[in-house]
Amino acid sequence: MLRGSKIALRARHEADVPVLQAELHDDVAGASRASGRPWRPFTPGSKEAPFVVDDENEKNVPFSVVELDGGALVGSAMLWGVDTHNRSAHVGVGLLPSARGRGYGTDVVAVLCHFGFVVRGLRRLQVDTLADNTAMLRSAERNGFVREGVLRSAAWVMGEFLDEVLLGLLAEDWDPAAKG
């Protein structure tokens, strides 16, 4: 288990999947904003559902996010698109609606940075998010991520094109004490 100041990242448990599915994926508008793919329903128990862990896929490293105080499930986090040759990965965070606004996102990003840079030995982490996702932008920037560009009208979300912001952080620029 990887610990932050408010949360911990642990392996995904089978019991987490239905909660994450109901609270994150079944929210069509929210799930459409979080994924680059079109939303579609999944049958309970489907091996293709978004929160089911595929332990064979080394390009994606999923975690469940739990509160340190009590261990309640509060979301999902992952490094995705892990590229071992270029030593890079993308950061993804999804918090349950009841867990938003508590500073968990900043802590999750900090723990993912520790995992990526210290545990996995990566050199670069990247955040790709919608330009109006102020919570993710704030969480990334508080952890030292730098805005590197805007992809204009790059994401089709619920009937309109939205801009995406790319942020990057290099291992040599990372300051583990910088969050918040």
C-alpha atoms as a PDB file:
ATOM      1  CA  MET A   1       0.000   0.000   0.000  1.00  0.00           C
ATOM      2  CA  LEU A   2       1.226   3.496  -0.852  1.00  0.00           C
ATOM      3  CA  ARG A   3       0.327   6.207   1.671  1.00  0.00           C
ATOM      4  CA  GLY A   4      -0.181   9.930   1.313  1.00  0.00           C
ATOM      5  CA  SER A   5      -1.228  12.394   4.000  1.00  0.00           C
ATOM      6  CA  LYS A   6      -4.987  11.754   3.589  1.00  0.00           C
ATOM      7  CA  ILE A   7      -5.323   8.716   1.328  1.00  0.00           C
ATOM      8  CA  ALA A   8      -3.689   5.442   0.425  1.00  0.00           C
ATOM      9  CA  LEU A   9      -3.444   3.681  -2.916  1.00  0.00           C
ATOM     10  CA  ARG A  10      -3.959  -0.060  -2.768  1.00  0.00           C
ATOM     11  CA  ALA A  11      -4.656  -2.897  -5.159  1.00  0.00           C
ATOM     12  CA  ARG A  12      -8.175  -2.961  -6.564  1.00  0.00           C
ATOM     13  CA  HIS A  13     -10.409  -5.404  -4.683  1.00  0.00           C
ATOM     14  CA  GLU A  14     -13.256  -7.237  -6.375  1.00  0.00           C
ATOM     15  CA  ALA A  15     -15.713  -5.470  -4.047  1.00  0.00           C
ATOM     16  CA  ASP A  16     -14.468  -2.055  -5.301  1.00  0.00           C
ATOM     17  CA  VAL A  17     -15.523  -2.693  -8.896  1.00  0.00           C
ATOM     18  CA  PRO A  18     -19.330  -2.394  -8.474  1.00  0.00           C
ATOM     19  CA  VAL A  19     -18.943   0.793  -6.403  1.00  0.00           C
ATOM     20  CA  LEU A  20     -16.618   2.438  -8.914  1.00  0.00           C
ATOM     21  CA  GLN A  21     -18.839   1.259 -11.764  1.00  0.00           C
ATOM     22  CA  ALA A  22     -21.990   2.714 -10.178  1.00  0.00           C
ATOM     23  CA  GLU A  23     -20.508   5.974  -8.908  1.00  0.00           C
ATOM     24  CA  LEU A  24     -18.036   6.821 -11.671  1.00  0.00           C
ATOM     25  CA  HIS A  25     -18.822   4.927 -14.874  1.00  0.00           C
ATOM     26  CA  ASP A  26     -22.625   4.904 -14.704  1.00  0.00           C
ATOM     27  CA  ASP A  27     -22.582   8.724 -14.467  1.00  0.00           C
ATOM     28  CA  VAL A  28     -22.687   9.143 -18.251  1.00  0.00           C
ATOM     29  CA  ALA A  29     -21.731  12.847 -18.303  1.00  0.00           C
ATOM     30  CA  GLY A  30     -18.900  12.407 -15.797  1.00  0.00           C
ATOM     31  CA  ALA A  31     -17.555   9.244 -17.409  1.00  0.00           C
ATOM     32  CA  SER A  32     -17.666  10.892 -20.841  1.00  0.00           C
ATOM     33  CA  ARG A  33     -15.496  13.717 -19.521  1.00  0.00           C
ATOM     34  CA  ALA A  34     -13.013  11.296 -17.929  1.00  0.00           C
ATOM     35  CA  SER A  35     -12.404   9.013 -20.890  1.00  0.00           C
ATOM     36  CA  GLY A  36     -11.263   9.562 -24.436  1.00  0.00           C
ATOM     37  CA  ARG A  37     -13.667   6.876 -25.604  1.00  0.00           C
ATOM     38  CA  PRO A  38     -17.419   7.057 -26.134  1.00  0.00           C
ATOM     39  CA  TRP A  39     -19.452   5.973 -23.114  1.00  0.00           C
ATOM     40  CA  ARG A  40     -21.252   2.642 -23.273  1.00  0.00           C
ATOM     41  CA  PRO A  41     -22.963   0.507 -20.671  1.00  0.00           C
ATOM     42  CA  PHE A  42     -21.340  -2.631 -19.308  1.00  0.00           C
ATOM     43  CA  THR A  43     -23.096  -5.679 -17.955  1.00  0.00           C
ATOM     44  CA  PRO A  44     -22.299  -6.312 -14.280  1.00  0.00           C
ATOM     45  CA  GLY A  45     -19.418  -8.774 -14.122  1.00  0.00           C
ATOM     46  CA  SER A  46     -18.178  -7.957 -17.633  1.00  0.00           C
ATOM     47  CA  LYS A  47     -14.435  -8.479 -18.054  1.00  0.00           C
ATOM     48  CA  GLU A  48     -14.366  -5.347 -20.265  1.00  0.00           C
ATOM     49  CA  ALA A  49     -15.855  -2.984 -17.674  1.00  0.00           C
ATOM     50  CA  PRO A  50     -13.573  -0.008 -16.998  1.00  0.00           C
ATOM     51  CA  PHE A  51     -12.652  -0.791 -13.377  1.00  0.00           C
ATOM     52  CA  VAL A  52     -11.958  -4.504 -13.781  1.00  0.00           C
ATOM     53  CA  VAL A  53      -8.235  -5.106 -13.339  1.00  0.00           C
ATOM     54  CA  ASP A  54      -6.271  -6.920 -16.009  1.00  0.00           C
ATOM     55  CA  ASP A  55      -3.144  -8.075 -14.189  1.00  0.00           C
ATOM     56  CA  GLU A  56      -1.556  -9.022 -17.526  1.00  0.00           C
ATOM     57  CA  ASN A  57      -1.602  -5.453 -18.884  1.00  0.00           C
ATOM     58  CA  GLU A  58       1.634  -3.814 -17.733  1.00  0.00           C
ATOM     59  CA  LYS A  59       0.837  -0.545 -19.536  1.00  0.00           C
ATOM     60  CA  ASN A  60      -1.859   0.306 -16.982  1.00  0.00           C
ATOM     61  CA  VAL A  61      -1.323   0.254 -13.221  1.00  0.00           C
ATOM     62  CA  PRO A  62      -4.695   0.707 -11.475  1.00  0.00           C
ATOM     63  CA  PHE A  63      -5.236   1.469  -7.799  1.00  0.00           C
ATOM     64  CA  SER A  64      -8.187   1.959  -5.535  1.00  0.00           C
ATOM     65  CA  VAL A  65      -8.047   5.130  -3.457  1.00  0.00           C
ATOM     66  CA  VAL A  66      -8.989   4.727   0.215  1.00  0.00           C
ATOM     67  CA  GLU A  67      -9.104   7.145   3.125  1.00  0.00           C
ATOM     68  CA  LEU A  68      -6.333   6.669   5.650  1.00  0.00           C
ATOM     69  CA  ASP A  69      -8.831   7.324   8.423  1.00  0.00           C
ATOM     70  CA  GLY A  70     -11.125   4.296   8.269  1.00  0.00           C
ATOM     71  CA  GLY A  71     -10.164   2.819   4.896  1.00  0.00           C
ATOM     72  CA  ALA A  72     -13.327   3.840   3.015  1.00  0.00           C
ATOM     73  CA  LEU A  73     -13.124   3.597  -0.777  1.00  0.00           C
ATOM     74  CA  VAL A  74     -13.073   7.130  -2.241  1.00  0.00           C
ATOM     75  CA  GLY A  75     -11.984   6.606  -5.843  1.00  0.00           C
ATOM     76  CA  SER A  76      -9.716   5.208  -8.485  1.00  0.00           C
ATOM     77  CA  ALA A  77      -6.228   6.190  -9.643  1.00  0.00           C
ATOM     78  CA  MET A  78      -3.806   4.856 -12.198  1.00  0.00           C
ATOM     79  CA  LEU A  79      -0.702   5.281 -14.206  1.00  0.00           C
ATOM     80  CA  TRP A  80      -1.728   4.475 -17.767  1.00  0.00           C
ATOM     81  CA  GLY A  81       0.130   4.239 -21.031  1.00  0.00           C
ATOM     82  CA  VAL A  82       3.276   3.217 -19.161  1.00  0.00           C
ATOM     83  CA  ASP A  83       6.144   3.316 -21.646  1.00  0.00           C
ATOM     84  CA  THR A  84       9.138   1.459 -20.220  1.00  0.00           C
ATOM     85  CA  HIS A  85      11.392   2.401 -23.138  1.00  0.00           C
ATOM     86  CA  ASN A  86      10.870   6.165 -22.785  1.00  0.00           C
ATOM     87  CA  ARG A  87      10.235   5.828 -19.029  1.00  0.00           C
ATOM     88  CA  SER A  88       6.997   7.788 -19.063  1.00  0.00           C
ATOM     89  CA  ALA A  89       3.346   7.395 -18.101  1.00  0.00           C
ATOM     90  CA  HIS A  90       0.087   9.300 -17.823  1.00  0.00           C
ATOM     91  CA  VAL A  91      -1.678  10.071 -14.534  1.00  0.00           C
ATOM     92  CA  GLY A  92      -5.389   9.375 -14.037  1.00  0.00           C
ATOM     93  CA  VAL A  93      -7.591  10.147 -11.023  1.00  0.00           C
ATOM     94  CA  GLY A  94     -11.310   9.611 -10.448  1.00  0.00           C
ATOM     95  CA  LEU A  95     -12.876  10.470  -7.100  1.00  0.00           C
ATOM     96  CA  LEU A  96     -16.342   9.436  -5.999  1.00  0.00           C
ATOM     97  CA  PRO A  97     -18.711  12.438  -5.866  1.00  0.00           C
ATOM     98  CA  SER A  98     -18.866  12.259  -2.053  1.00  0.00           C
ATOM     99  CA  ALA A  99     -15.048  12.511  -1.839  1.00  0.00           C
ATOM    100  CA  ARG A 100     -14.566  15.577  -4.018  1.00  0.00           C
ATOM    101  CA  GLY A 101     -13.470  18.906  -2.577  1.00  0.00           C
ATOM    102  CA  ARG A 102     -11.513  17.420   0.346  1.00  0.00           C
ATOM    103  CA  GLY A 103      -7.988  17.724  -1.057  1.00  0.00           C
ATOM    104  CA  TYR A 104      -7.801  14.033  -1.902  1.00  0.00           C
ATOM    105  CA  GLY A 105      -6.970  14.709  -5.567  1.00  0.00           C
ATOM    106  CA  THR A 106      -3.784  16.594  -4.727  1.00  0.00           C
ATOM    107  CA  ASP A 107      -2.738  13.808  -2.365  1.00  0.00           C
ATOM    108  CA  VAL A 108      -3.526  11.108  -4.951  1.00  0.00           C
ATOM    109  CA  VAL A 109      -1.397  12.876  -7.573  1.00  0.00           C
ATOM    110  CA  ALA A 110       1.450  13.189  -5.038  1.00  0.00           C
ATOM    111  CA  VAL A 111       1.350   9.452  -4.267  1.00  0.00           C
ATOM    112  CA  LEU A 112       1.188   8.583  -7.984  1.00  0.00           C
ATOM    113  CA  CYS A 113       4.292  10.780  -8.515  1.00  0.00           C
ATOM    114  CA  HIS A 114       6.103   8.883  -5.753  1.00  0.00           C
ATOM    115  CA  PHE A 115       5.065   5.576  -7.299  1.00  0.00           C
ATOM    116  CA  GLY A 116       6.056   6.652 -10.811  1.00  0.00           C
ATOM    117  CA  PHE A 117       9.376   8.288 -10.010  1.00  0.00           C
ATOM    118  CA  VAL A 118      10.614   6.317  -6.982  1.00  0.00           C
ATOM    119  CA  VAL A 119       9.062   2.867  -7.292  1.00  0.00           C
ATOM    120  CA  ARG A 120       8.933   2.553 -11.094  1.00  0.00           C
ATOM    121  CA  GLY A 121      11.939   4.733 -11.975  1.00  0.00           C
ATOM    122  CA  LEU A 122      10.060   6.754 -14.580  1.00  0.00           C
ATOM    123  CA  ARG A 123      11.467  10.014 -15.905  1.00  0.00           C
ATOM    124  CA  ARG A 124       8.272  11.791 -17.037  1.00  0.00           C
ATOM    125  CA  LEU A 125       4.653  11.866 -15.926  1.00  0.00           C
ATOM    126  CA  GLN A 126       1.912  13.541 -17.925  1.00  0.00           C
ATOM    127  CA  VAL A 127      -1.611  14.732 -17.202  1.00  0.00           C
ATOM    128  CA  ASP A 128      -4.097  15.090 -20.054  1.00  0.00           C
ATOM    129  CA  THR A 129      -7.310  16.770 -18.879  1.00  0.00           C
ATOM    130  CA  LEU A 130     -10.146  18.917 -20.120  1.00  0.00           C
ATOM    131  CA  ALA A 131      -9.418  22.638 -19.936  1.00  0.00           C
ATOM    132  CA  ASP A 132     -12.352  23.207 -17.557  1.00  0.00           C
ATOM    133  CA  ASN A 133     -11.309  20.448 -15.107  1.00  0.00           C
ATOM    134  CA  THR A 134     -10.030  22.926 -12.531  1.00  0.00           C
ATOM    135  CA  ALA A 135      -9.755  20.286  -9.790  1.00  0.00           C
ATOM    136  CA  MET A 136      -7.313  18.142 -11.806  1.00  0.00           C
ATOM    137  CA  LEU A 137      -5.400  21.173 -13.085  1.00  0.00           C
ATOM    138  CA  ARG A 138      -5.014  22.439  -9.514  1.00  0.00           C
ATOM    139  CA  SER A 139      -3.990  19.012  -8.157  1.00  0.00           C
ATOM    140  CA  ALA A 140      -1.374  18.587 -10.881  1.00  0.00           C
ATOM    141  CA  GLU A 141       0.058  22.096 -10.555  1.00  0.00           C
ATOM    142  CA  ARG A 142       0.274  21.831  -6.762  1.00  0.00           C
ATOM    143  CA  ASN A 143       2.485  18.806  -7.325  1.00  0.00           C
ATOM    144  CA  GLY A 144       4.796  20.637  -9.716  1.00  0.00           C
ATOM    145  CA  PHE A 145       3.276  19.765 -13.100  1.00  0.00           C
ATOM    146  CA  VAL A 146       3.799  22.454 -15.727  1.00  0.00           C
ATOM    147  CA  ARG A 147       1.306  23.312 -18.465  1.00  0.00           C
ATOM    148  CA  GLU A 148       2.927  22.340 -21.738  1.00  0.00           C
ATOM    149  CA  GLY A 149       0.157  22.978 -24.191  1.00  0.00           C
ATOM    150  CA  VAL A 150      -3.472  23.117 -25.166  1.00  0.00           C
ATOM    151  CA  LEU A 151      -5.013  20.850 -27.763  1.00  0.00           C
ATOM    152  CA  ARG A 152      -7.820  22.966 -29.155  1.00  0.00           C
ATOM    153  CA  SER A 153     -11.170  21.222 -29.667  1.00  0.00           C
ATOM    154  CA  ALA A 154      -9.462  17.848 -29.198  1.00  0.00           C
ATOM    155  CA  ALA A 155     -12.109  16.055 -27.113  1.00  0.00           C
ATOM    156  CA  TRP A 156     -15.657  15.217 -28.175  1.00  0.00           C
ATOM    157  CA  VAL A 157     -17.690  15.296 -24.963  1.00  0.00           C
ATOM    158  CA  MET A 158     -21.466  15.065 -24.771  1.00  0.00           C
ATOM    159  CA  GLY A 159     -22.156  16.816 -28.059  1.00  0.00           C
ATOM    160  CA  GLU A 160     -19.369  19.387 -28.190  1.00  0.00           C
ATOM    161  CA  PHE A 161     -15.639  19.662 -28.759  1.00  0.00           C
ATOM    162  CA  LEU A 162     -13.605  20.790 -25.742  1.00  0.00           C
ATOM    163  CA  ASP A 163      -9.974  21.824 -25.334  1.00  0.00           C
ATOM    164  CA  GLU A 164      -7.527  19.532 -23.563  1.00  0.00           C
ATOM    165  CA  VAL A 165      -4.595  20.735 -21.460  1.00  0.00           C
ATOM    166  CA  LEU A 166      -1.343  18.782 -21.309  1.00  0.00           C
ATOM    167  CA  LEU A 167       0.832  19.059 -18.211  1.00  0.00           C
ATOM    168  CA  GLY A 168       4.161  17.371 -17.612  1.00  0.00           C
ATOM    169  CA  LEU A 169       6.509  16.713 -14.724  1.00  0.00           C
ATOM    170  CA  LEU A 170      10.068  15.411 -15.001  1.00  0.00           C
ATOM    171  CA  ALA A 171      11.685  13.380 -12.242  1.00  0.00           C
ATOM    172  CA  GLU A 172      14.448  15.950 -11.779  1.00  0.00           C
ATOM    173  CA  ASP A 173      11.867  18.727 -11.302  1.00  0.00           C
ATOM    174  CA  TRP A 174       9.730  16.774  -8.834  1.00  0.00           C
ATOM    175  CA  ASP A 175       9.747  17.961  -5.248  1.00  0.00           C
ATOM    176  CA  PRO A 176       8.004  15.431  -2.989  1.00  0.00           C
ATOM    177  CA  ALA A 177       7.351  18.164  -0.420  1.00  0.00           C
ATOM    178  CA  ALA A 178       5.709  20.552  -2.922  1.00  0.00           C
ATOM    179  CA  LYS A 179       2.108  19.307  -2.807  1.00  0.00           C
ATOM    180  CA  GLY A 180      -0.400  21.863  -1.633  1.00  0.00           C
END
